[in-house]
PDB file of N, CA and C in Angstrom:
ATOM      1  N   UNK A   1      21.246  92.762   9.736  1.00  0.00           N
ATOM      2  CA  UNK A   1      21.429  92.018  10.969  1.00  0.00           C
ATOM      3  C   UNK A   1      21.683  90.546  10.634  1.00  0.00           C
ATOM      4  N   UNK A   2      22.570  89.947  11.394  1.00  0.00           N
ATOM      5  CA  UNK A   2      22.853  88.538  11.166  1.00  0.00           C
ATOM      6  C   UNK A   2      22.794  87.787  12.488  1.00  0.00           C
ATOM      7  N   UNK A   3      22.648  86.475  12.394  1.00  0.00           N
ATOM      8  CA  UNK A   3      22.578  85.630  13.591  1.00  0.00           C
ATOM      9  C   UNK A   3      23.990  85.212  13.997  1.00  0.00           C
ATOM     10  N   UNK A   4      24.241  85.246  15.289  1.00  0.00           N
ATOM     11  CA  UNK A   4      25.525  84.835  15.858  1.00  0.00           C
ATOM     12  C   UNK A   4      25.290  83.682  16.818  1.00  0.00           C
ATOM     13  N   UNK A   5      26.108  82.646  16.719  1.00  0.00           N
ATOM     14  CA  UNK A   5      25.992  81.496  17.616  1.00  0.00           C
ATOM     15  C   UNK A   5      27.030  81.599  18.719  1.00  0.00           C
ATOM     16  N   UNK A   6      26.584  81.393  19.944  1.00  0.00           N
ATOM     17  CA  UNK A   6      27.505  81.336  21.082  1.00  0.00           C
ATOM     18  C   UNK A   6      27.604  79.876  21.498  1.00  0.00           C
ATOM     19  N   UNK A   7      28.816  79.371  21.505  1.00  0.00           N
ATOM     20  CA  UNK A   7      29.058  77.967  21.831  1.00  0.00           C
ATOM     21  C   UNK A   7      29.818  77.835  23.141  1.00  0.00           C
ATOM     22  N   UNK A   8      29.725  76.666  23.725  1.00  0.00           N
ATOM     23  CA  UNK A   8      30.442  76.371  24.962  1.00  0.00           C
ATOM     24  C   UNK A   8      31.938  76.502  24.697  1.00  0.00           C
ATOM     25  N   UNK A   9      32.630  77.353  25.475  1.00  0.00           N
ATOM     26  CA  UNK A   9      34.077  77.521  25.251  1.00  0.00           C
ATOM     27  C   UNK A   9      34.855  76.270  25.641  1.00  0.00           C
ATOM     28  N   UNK A  10      36.088  76.235  25.188  1.00  0.00           N
ATOM     29  CA  UNK A  10      36.993  75.143  25.550  1.00  0.00           C
ATOM     30  C   UNK A  10      37.206  75.163  27.057  1.00  0.00           C
ATOM     31  N   UNK A  11      37.162  73.989  27.654  1.00  0.00           N
ATOM     32  CA  UNK A  11      37.392  73.894  29.089  1.00  0.00           C
ATOM     33  C   UNK A  11      38.824  74.294  29.404  1.00  0.00           C
ATOM     34  N   UNK A  12      39.051  74.973  30.516  1.00  0.00           N
ATOM     35  CA  UNK A  12      40.436  75.328  30.887  1.00  0.00           C
ATOM     36  C   UNK A  12      41.304  74.079  31.017  1.00  0.00           C
ATOM     37  N   UNK A  13      42.553  74.180  30.555  1.00  0.00           N
ATOM     38  CA  UNK A  13      43.448  73.020  30.596  1.00  0.00           C
ATOM     39  C   UNK A  13      43.635  72.492  32.011  1.00  0.00           C
ATOM     40  N   UNK A  14      43.557  73.375  33.003  1.00  0.00           N
ATOM     41  CA  UNK A  14      43.753  72.927  34.386  1.00  0.00           C
ATOM     42  C   UNK A  14      42.699  71.907  34.800  1.00  0.00           C
ATOM     43  N   UNK A  15      41.500  71.922  34.150  1.00  0.00           N
ATOM     44  CA  UNK A  15      40.467  70.964  34.513  1.00  0.00           C
ATOM     45  C   UNK A  15      40.921  69.542  34.231  1.00  0.00           C
ATOM     46  N   UNK A  16      41.636  69.347  33.104  1.00  0.00           N
ATOM     47  CA  UNK A  16      42.101  68.003  32.779  1.00  0.00           C
ATOM     48  C   UNK A  16      43.246  67.569  33.694  1.00  0.00           C
ATOM     49  N   UNK A  17      44.160  68.484  34.000  1.00  0.00           N
ATOM     50  CA  UNK A  17      45.336  68.101  34.795  1.00  0.00           C
ATOM     51  C   UNK A  17      45.003  67.921  36.266  1.00  0.00           C
ATOM     52  N   UNK A  18      44.140  68.775  36.783  1.00  0.00           N
ATOM     53  CA  UNK A  18      43.809  68.714  38.208  1.00  0.00           C
ATOM     54  C   UNK A  18      42.772  67.623  38.464  1.00  0.00           C
ATOM     55  N   UNK A  19      41.705  67.675  37.687  1.00  0.00           N
ATOM     56  CA  UNK A  19      40.660  66.669  37.818  1.00  0.00           C
ATOM     57  C   UNK A  19      39.649  66.963  38.901  1.00  0.00           C
ATOM     58  N   UNK A  20      39.989  67.775  39.898  1.00  0.00           N
ATOM     59  CA  UNK A  20      39.055  67.977  40.996  1.00  0.00           C
ATOM     60  C   UNK A  20      37.920  68.926  40.632  1.00  0.00           C
ATOM     61  N   UNK A  21      38.173  69.897  39.746  1.00  0.00           N
ATOM     62  CA  UNK A  21      37.114  70.844  39.371  1.00  0.00           C
ATOM     63  C   UNK A  21      36.070  70.187  38.482  1.00  0.00           C
ATOM     64  N   UNK A  22      36.529  69.412  37.536  1.00  0.00           N
ATOM     65  CA  UNK A  22      35.612  68.859  36.543  1.00  0.00           C
ATOM     66  C   UNK A  22      35.282  67.404  36.817  1.00  0.00           C
ATOM     67  N   UNK A  23      35.281  67.026  38.087  1.00  0.00           N
ATOM     68  CA  UNK A  23      34.884  65.655  38.387  1.00  0.00           C
ATOM     69  C   UNK A  23      33.378  65.554  38.168  1.00  0.00           C
ATOM     70  N   UNK A  24      32.976  64.668  37.295  1.00  0.00           N
ATOM     71  CA  UNK A  24      31.566  64.551  36.948  1.00  0.00           C
ATOM     72  C   UNK A  24      31.236  65.432  35.756  1.00  0.00           C
ATOM     73  N   UNK A  25      29.951  65.557  35.476  1.00  0.00           N
ATOM     74  CA  UNK A  25      29.499  66.312  34.316  1.00  0.00           C
ATOM     75  C   UNK A  25      29.515  67.809  34.574  1.00  0.00           C
ATOM     76  N   UNK A  26      29.678  68.555  33.507  1.00  0.00           N
ATOM     77  CA  UNK A  26      29.515  70.005  33.544  1.00  0.00           C
ATOM     78  C   UNK A  26      28.081  70.267  33.110  1.00  0.00           C
ATOM     79  N   UNK A  27      27.324  70.986  33.940  1.00  0.00           N
ATOM     80  CA  UNK A  27      25.931  71.236  33.588  1.00  0.00           C
ATOM     81  C   UNK A  27      25.561  72.695  33.807  1.00  0.00           C
ATOM     82  N   UNK A  28      24.450  73.093  33.193  1.00  0.00           N
ATOM     83  CA  UNK A  28      23.936  74.452  33.308  1.00  0.00           C
ATOM     84  C   UNK A  28      23.252  74.583  34.665  1.00  0.00           C
ATOM     85  N   UNK A  29      23.776  75.464  35.497  1.00  0.00           N
ATOM     86  CA  UNK A  29      23.175  75.722  36.803  1.00  0.00           C
ATOM     87  C   UNK A  29      22.014  76.697  36.647  1.00  0.00           C
ATOM     88  N   UNK A  30      22.226  77.738  35.809  1.00  0.00           N
ATOM     89  CA  UNK A  30      21.219  78.791  35.656  1.00  0.00           C
ATOM     90  C   UNK A  30      21.451  79.522  34.342  1.00  0.00           C
ATOM     91  N   UNK A  31      20.373  79.837  33.619  1.00  0.00           N
ATOM     92  CA  UNK A  31      20.486  80.726  32.472  1.00  0.00           C
ATOM     93  C   UNK A  31      20.203  82.142  32.968  1.00  0.00           C
ATOM     94  N   UNK A  32      20.984  83.095  32.501  1.00  0.00           N
ATOM     95  CA  UNK A  32      20.900  84.472  32.988  1.00  0.00           C
ATOM     96  C   UNK A  32      20.271  85.427  31.981  1.00  0.00           C
ATOM     97  N   UNK A  33      19.877  84.902  30.810  1.00  0.00           N
ATOM     98  CA  UNK A  33      19.229  85.709  29.777  1.00  0.00           C
ATOM     99  C   UNK A  33      17.965  84.995  29.307  1.00  0.00           C
ATOM    100  N   UNK A  34      17.094  85.765  28.676  1.00  0.00           N
ATOM    101  CA  UNK A  34      15.853  85.235  28.113  1.00  0.00           C
ATOM    102  C   UNK A  34      15.730  85.668  26.662  1.00  0.00           C
ATOM    103  N   UNK A  35      14.918  84.954  25.893  1.00  0.00           N
ATOM    104  CA  UNK A  35      14.658  85.330  24.509  1.00  0.00           C
ATOM    105  C   UNK A  35      14.119  86.757  24.494  1.00  0.00           C
ATOM    106  N   UNK A  36      14.687  87.576  23.615  1.00  0.00           N
ATOM    107  CA  UNK A  36      14.277  88.970  23.494  1.00  0.00           C
ATOM    108  C   UNK A  36      15.172  89.940  24.246  1.00  0.00           C
ATOM    109  N   UNK A  37      15.987  89.445  25.181  1.00  0.00           N
ATOM    110  CA  UNK A  37      16.886  90.318  25.940  1.00  0.00           C
ATOM    111  C   UNK A  37      17.952  90.920  25.041  1.00  0.00           C
ATOM    112  N   UNK A  38      18.282  92.178  25.290  1.00  0.00           N
ATOM    113  CA  UNK A  38      19.431  92.820  24.656  1.00  0.00           C
ATOM    114  C   UNK A  38      20.617  92.656  25.597  1.00  0.00           C
ATOM    115  N   UNK A  39      21.714  92.126  25.073  1.00  0.00           N
ATOM    116  CA  UNK A  39      22.892  91.944  25.908  1.00  0.00           C
ATOM    117  C   UNK A  39      24.094  92.624  25.265  1.00  0.00           C
ATOM    118  N   UNK A  40      25.033  92.960  26.099  1.00  0.00           N
ATOM    119  CA  UNK A  40      26.287  93.562  25.657  1.00  0.00           C
ATOM    120  C   UNK A  40      27.380  92.501  25.665  1.00  0.00           C
ATOM    121  N   UNK A  41      28.437  92.765  24.942  1.00  0.00           N
ATOM    122  CA  UNK A  41      29.603  91.883  24.973  1.00  0.00           C
ATOM    123  C   UNK A  41      30.080  91.786  26.423  1.00  0.00           C
ATOM    124  N   UNK A  42      30.436  90.607  26.864  1.00  0.00           N
ATOM    125  CA  UNK A  42      30.918  90.291  28.209  1.00  0.00           C
ATOM    126  C   UNK A  42      29.823  90.221  29.263  1.00  0.00           C
ATOM    127  N   UNK A  43      28.539  90.422  28.904  1.00  0.00           N
ATOM    128  CA  UNK A  43      27.466  90.152  29.858  1.00  0.00           C
ATOM    129  C   UNK A  43      27.417  88.644  30.082  1.00  0.00           C
ATOM    130  N   UNK A  44      27.193  88.228  31.317  1.00  0.00           N
ATOM    131  CA  UNK A  44      27.083  86.796  31.610  1.00  0.00           C
ATOM    132  C   UNK A  44      25.772  86.261  31.069  1.00  0.00           C
ATOM    133  N   UNK A  45      25.857  85.106  30.372  1.00  0.00           N
ATOM    134  CA  UNK A  45      24.655  84.517  29.772  1.00  0.00           C
ATOM    135  C   UNK A  45      24.168  83.289  30.529  1.00  0.00           C
ATOM    136  N   UNK A  46      25.074  82.605  31.231  1.00  0.00           N
ATOM    137  CA  UNK A  46      24.676  81.442  32.018  1.00  0.00           C
ATOM    138  C   UNK A  46      25.748  81.118  33.050  1.00  0.00           C
ATOM    139  N   UNK A  47      25.356  80.277  33.998  1.00  0.00           N
ATOM    140  CA  UNK A  47      26.281  79.803  35.014  1.00  0.00           C
ATOM    141  C   UNK A  47      26.397  78.292  34.887  1.00  0.00           C
ATOM    142  N   UNK A  48      27.636  77.813  34.815  1.00  0.00           N
ATOM    143  CA  UNK A  48      27.927  76.374  34.762  1.00  0.00           C
ATOM    144  C   UNK A  48      28.239  75.878  36.162  1.00  0.00           C
ATOM    145  N   UNK A  49      27.999  74.604  36.388  1.00  0.00           N
ATOM    146  CA  UNK A  49      28.379  73.944  37.630  1.00  0.00           C
ATOM    147  C   UNK A  49      29.204  72.722  37.251  1.00  0.00           C
ATOM    148  N   UNK A  50      30.368  72.573  37.862  1.00  0.00           N
ATOM    149  CA  UNK A  50      31.235  71.441  37.536  1.00  0.00           C
ATOM    150  C   UNK A  50      31.210  70.371  38.620  1.00  0.00           C
ATOM    151  N   UNK A  51      30.445  70.559  39.660  1.00  0.00           N
ATOM    152  CA  UNK A  51      30.473  69.641  40.781  1.00  0.00           C
ATOM    153  C   UNK A  51      31.259  70.245  41.926  1.00  0.00           C
ATOM    154  N   UNK A  52      32.252  71.057  41.621  1.00  0.00           N
ATOM    155  CA  UNK A  52      33.071  71.717  42.641  1.00  0.00           C
ATOM    156  C   UNK A  52      33.096  73.230  42.475  1.00  0.00           C
ATOM    157  N   UNK A  53      32.836  73.713  41.255  1.00  0.00           N
ATOM    158  CA  UNK A  53      32.992  75.129  40.947  1.00  0.00           C
ATOM    159  C   UNK A  53      31.799  75.618  40.124  1.00  0.00           C
ATOM    160  N   UNK A  54      31.300  76.823  40.439  1.00  0.00           N
ATOM    161  CA  UNK A  54      30.309  77.497  39.597  1.00  0.00           C
ATOM    162  C   UNK A  54      31.060  78.541  38.781  1.00  0.00           C
ATOM    163  N   UNK A  55      30.763  78.622  37.496  1.00  0.00           N
ATOM    164  CA  UNK A  55      31.503  79.489  36.587  1.00  0.00           C
ATOM    165  C   UNK A  55      30.529  80.217  35.664  1.00  0.00           C
ATOM    166  N   UNK A  56      30.595  81.573  35.656  1.00  0.00           N
ATOM    167  CA  UNK A  56      29.769  82.356  34.744  1.00  0.00           C
ATOM    168  C   UNK A  56      30.406  82.369  33.360  1.00  0.00           C
ATOM    169  N   UNK A  57      29.570  82.236  32.325  1.00  0.00           N
ATOM    170  CA  UNK A  57      30.032  82.270  30.937  1.00  0.00           C
ATOM    171  C   UNK A  57      29.549  83.581  30.313  1.00  0.00           C
ATOM    172  N   UNK A  58      30.494  84.436  29.869  1.00  0.00           N
ATOM    173  CA  UNK A  58      30.106  85.709  29.257  1.00  0.00           C
ATOM    174  C   UNK A  58      29.864  85.552  27.746  1.00  0.00           C
ATOM    175  N   UNK A  59      29.125  86.501  27.208  1.00  0.00           N
ATOM    176  CA  UNK A  59      28.885  86.534  25.768  1.00  0.00           C
ATOM    177  C   UNK A  59      30.058  87.199  25.055  1.00  0.00           C
ATOM    178  N   UNK A  60      30.535  86.602  23.967  1.00  0.00           N
ATOM    179  CA  UNK A  60      31.583  87.246  23.181  1.00  0.00           C
ATOM    180  C   UNK A  60      31.020  88.314  22.232  1.00  0.00           C
ATOM    181  N   UNK A  61      29.683  88.455  22.184  1.00  0.00           N
ATOM    182  CA  UNK A  61      29.028  89.378  21.259  1.00  0.00           C
ATOM    183  C   UNK A  61      27.953  90.194  21.974  1.00  0.00           C
ATOM    184  N   UNK A  62      27.576  91.315  21.341  1.00  0.00           N
ATOM    185  CA  UNK A  62      26.412  92.087  21.753  1.00  0.00           C
ATOM    186  C   UNK A  62      25.273  91.771  20.789  1.00  0.00           C
ATOM    187  N   UNK A  63      24.046  91.810  21.284  1.00  0.00           N
ATOM    188  CA  UNK A  63      22.909  91.589  20.407  1.00  0.00           C
ATOM    189  C   UNK A  63      21.651  91.237  21.176  1.00  0.00           C
ATOM    190  N   UNK A  64      20.619  90.845  20.433  1.00  0.00           N
ATOM    191  CA  UNK A  64      19.339  90.431  21.018  1.00  0.00           C
ATOM    192  C   UNK A  64      19.284  88.905  21.010  1.00  0.00           C
ATOM    193  N   UNK A  65      18.877  88.324  22.131  1.00  0.00           N
ATOM    194  CA  UNK A  65      18.771  86.873  22.247  1.00  0.00           C
ATOM    195  C   UNK A  65      17.603  86.387  21.388  1.00  0.00           C
ATOM    196  N   UNK A  66      17.925  85.546  20.390  1.00  0.00           N
ATOM    197  CA  UNK A  66      16.897  84.963  19.519  1.00  0.00           C
ATOM    198  C   UNK A  66      16.434  83.605  20.032  1.00  0.00           C
ATOM    199  N   UNK A  67      17.383  82.831  20.565  1.00  0.00           N
ATOM    200  CA  UNK A  67      17.042  81.469  21.002  1.00  0.00           C
ATOM    201  C   UNK A  67      18.034  80.990  22.061  1.00  0.00           C
ATOM    202  N   UNK A  68      17.498  80.323  23.080  1.00  0.00           N
ATOM    203  CA  UNK A  68      18.314  79.621  24.074  1.00  0.00           C
ATOM    204  C   UNK A  68      18.302  78.147  23.700  1.00  0.00           C
ATOM    205  N   UNK A  69      19.472  77.535  23.628  1.00  0.00           N
ATOM    206  CA  UNK A  69      19.567  76.131  23.226  1.00  0.00           C
ATOM    207  C   UNK A  69      19.797  75.210  24.416  1.00  0.00           C
ATOM    208  N   UNK A  70      19.903  75.785  25.613  1.00  0.00           N
ATOM    209  CA  UNK A  70      20.109  75.008  26.834  1.00  0.00           C
ATOM    210  C   UNK A  70      19.187  75.531  27.927  1.00  0.00           C
ATOM    211  N   UNK A  71      18.931  74.676  28.906  1.00  0.00           N
ATOM    212  CA  UNK A  71      18.150  75.076  30.078  1.00  0.00           C
ATOM    213  C   UNK A  71      18.861  74.580  31.327  1.00  0.00           C
ATOM    214  N   UNK A  72      18.464  75.091  32.462  1.00  0.00           N
ATOM    215  CA  UNK A  72      19.054  74.668  33.732  1.00  0.00           C
ATOM    216  C   UNK A  72      18.955  73.150  33.856  1.00  0.00           C
ATOM    217  N   UNK A  73      20.065  72.526  34.256  1.00  0.00           N
ATOM    218  CA  UNK A  73      20.116  71.085  34.428  1.00  0.00           C
ATOM    219  C   UNK A  73      20.710  70.340  33.246  1.00  0.00           C
ATOM    220  N   UNK A  74      20.789  70.989  32.066  1.00  0.00           N
ATOM    221  CA  UNK A  74      21.388  70.339  30.891  1.00  0.00           C
ATOM    222  C   UNK A  74      22.884  70.131  31.107  1.00  0.00           C
ATOM    223  N   UNK A  75      23.411  68.991  30.670  1.00  0.00           N
ATOM    224  CA  UNK A  75      24.853  68.794  30.645  1.00  0.00           C
ATOM    225  C   UNK A  75      25.361  69.311  29.306  1.00  0.00           C
ATOM    226  N   UNK A  76      26.565  69.880  29.306  1.00  0.00           N
ATOM    227  CA  UNK A  76      27.113  70.477  28.087  1.00  0.00           C
ATOM    228  C   UNK A  76      28.539  70.026  27.861  1.00  0.00           C
ATOM    229  N   UNK A  77      28.884  69.865  26.596  1.00  0.00           N
ATOM    230  CA  UNK A  77      30.237  69.535  26.180  1.00  0.00           C
ATOM    231  C   UNK A  77      30.854  70.752  25.511  1.00  0.00           C
ATOM    232  N   UNK A  78      32.168  70.743  25.369  1.00  0.00           N
ATOM    233  CA  UNK A  78      32.842  71.797  24.626  1.00  0.00           C
ATOM    234  C   UNK A  78      32.236  71.914  23.243  1.00  0.00           C
ATOM    235  N   UNK A  79      32.012  73.139  22.791  1.00  0.00           N
ATOM    236  CA  UNK A  79      31.475  73.371  21.459  1.00  0.00           C
ATOM    237  C   UNK A  79      29.959  73.304  21.354  1.00  0.00           C
ATOM    238  N   UNK A  80      29.270  72.933  22.439  1.00  0.00           N
ATOM    239  CA  UNK A  80      27.809  72.847  22.406  1.00  0.00           C
ATOM    240  C   UNK A  80      27.200  74.229  22.150  1.00  0.00           C
ATOM    241  N   UNK A  81      26.151  74.289  21.354  1.00  0.00           N
ATOM    242  CA  UNK A  81      25.458  75.531  21.061  1.00  0.00           C
ATOM    243  C   UNK A  81      24.689  75.973  22.298  1.00  0.00           C
ATOM    244  N   UNK A  82      24.913  77.219  22.739  1.00  0.00           N
ATOM    245  CA  UNK A  82      24.288  77.738  23.939  1.00  0.00           C
ATOM    246  C   UNK A  82      23.168  78.731  23.625  1.00  0.00           C
ATOM    247  N   UNK A  83      23.491  79.751  22.827  1.00  0.00           N
ATOM    248  CA  UNK A  83      22.564  80.854  22.565  1.00  0.00           C
ATOM    249  C   UNK A  83      22.755  81.330  21.122  1.00  0.00           C
ATOM    250  N   UNK A  84      21.664  81.754  20.485  1.00  0.00           N
ATOM    251  CA  UNK A  84      21.749  82.424  19.190  1.00  0.00           C
ATOM    252  C   UNK A  84      21.320  83.875  19.396  1.00  0.00           C
ATOM    253  N   UNK A  85      22.153  84.795  18.901  1.00  0.00           N
ATOM    254  CA  UNK A  85      21.896  86.229  18.998  1.00  0.00           C
ATOM    255  C   UNK A  85      21.654  86.820  17.622  1.00  0.00           C
ATOM    256  N   UNK A  86      20.873  87.900  17.576  1.00  0.00           N
ATOM    257  CA  UNK A  86      20.800  88.756  16.413  1.00  0.00           C
ATOM    258  C   UNK A  86      21.813  89.868  16.678  1.00  0.00           C
ATOM    259  N   UNK A  87      22.763  90.050  15.780  1.00  0.00           N
ATOM    260  CA  UNK A  87      23.820  91.018  16.029  1.00  0.00           C
ATOM    261  C   UNK A  87      23.258  92.417  16.192  1.00  0.00           C
ATOM    262  N   UNK A  88      23.920  93.198  17.042  1.00  0.00           N
ATOM    263  CA  UNK A  88      23.461  94.562  17.333  1.00  0.00           C
ATOM    264  C   UNK A  88      23.839  95.511  16.222  1.00  0.00           C
TER     265      UNK A  88
END
């Protein structure tokens, strides 16, 4: 078993061109997993809030949640570490 890091994905290009979705900070609205949870690929792990839009972030991997690196209310940048999984 190995550890897998899930990072904040690249923001959609439309956020930069439009500006209305990402006005202000992007922050964690809610975490949807807990340490010890078994998750499947594409299960939602958290919900982001951009000020105008709420967006669920899915996991690119399956595994057991070892550590959450963010909590509700945290602001996040592209590439920020979100969750560490133990691979399934």
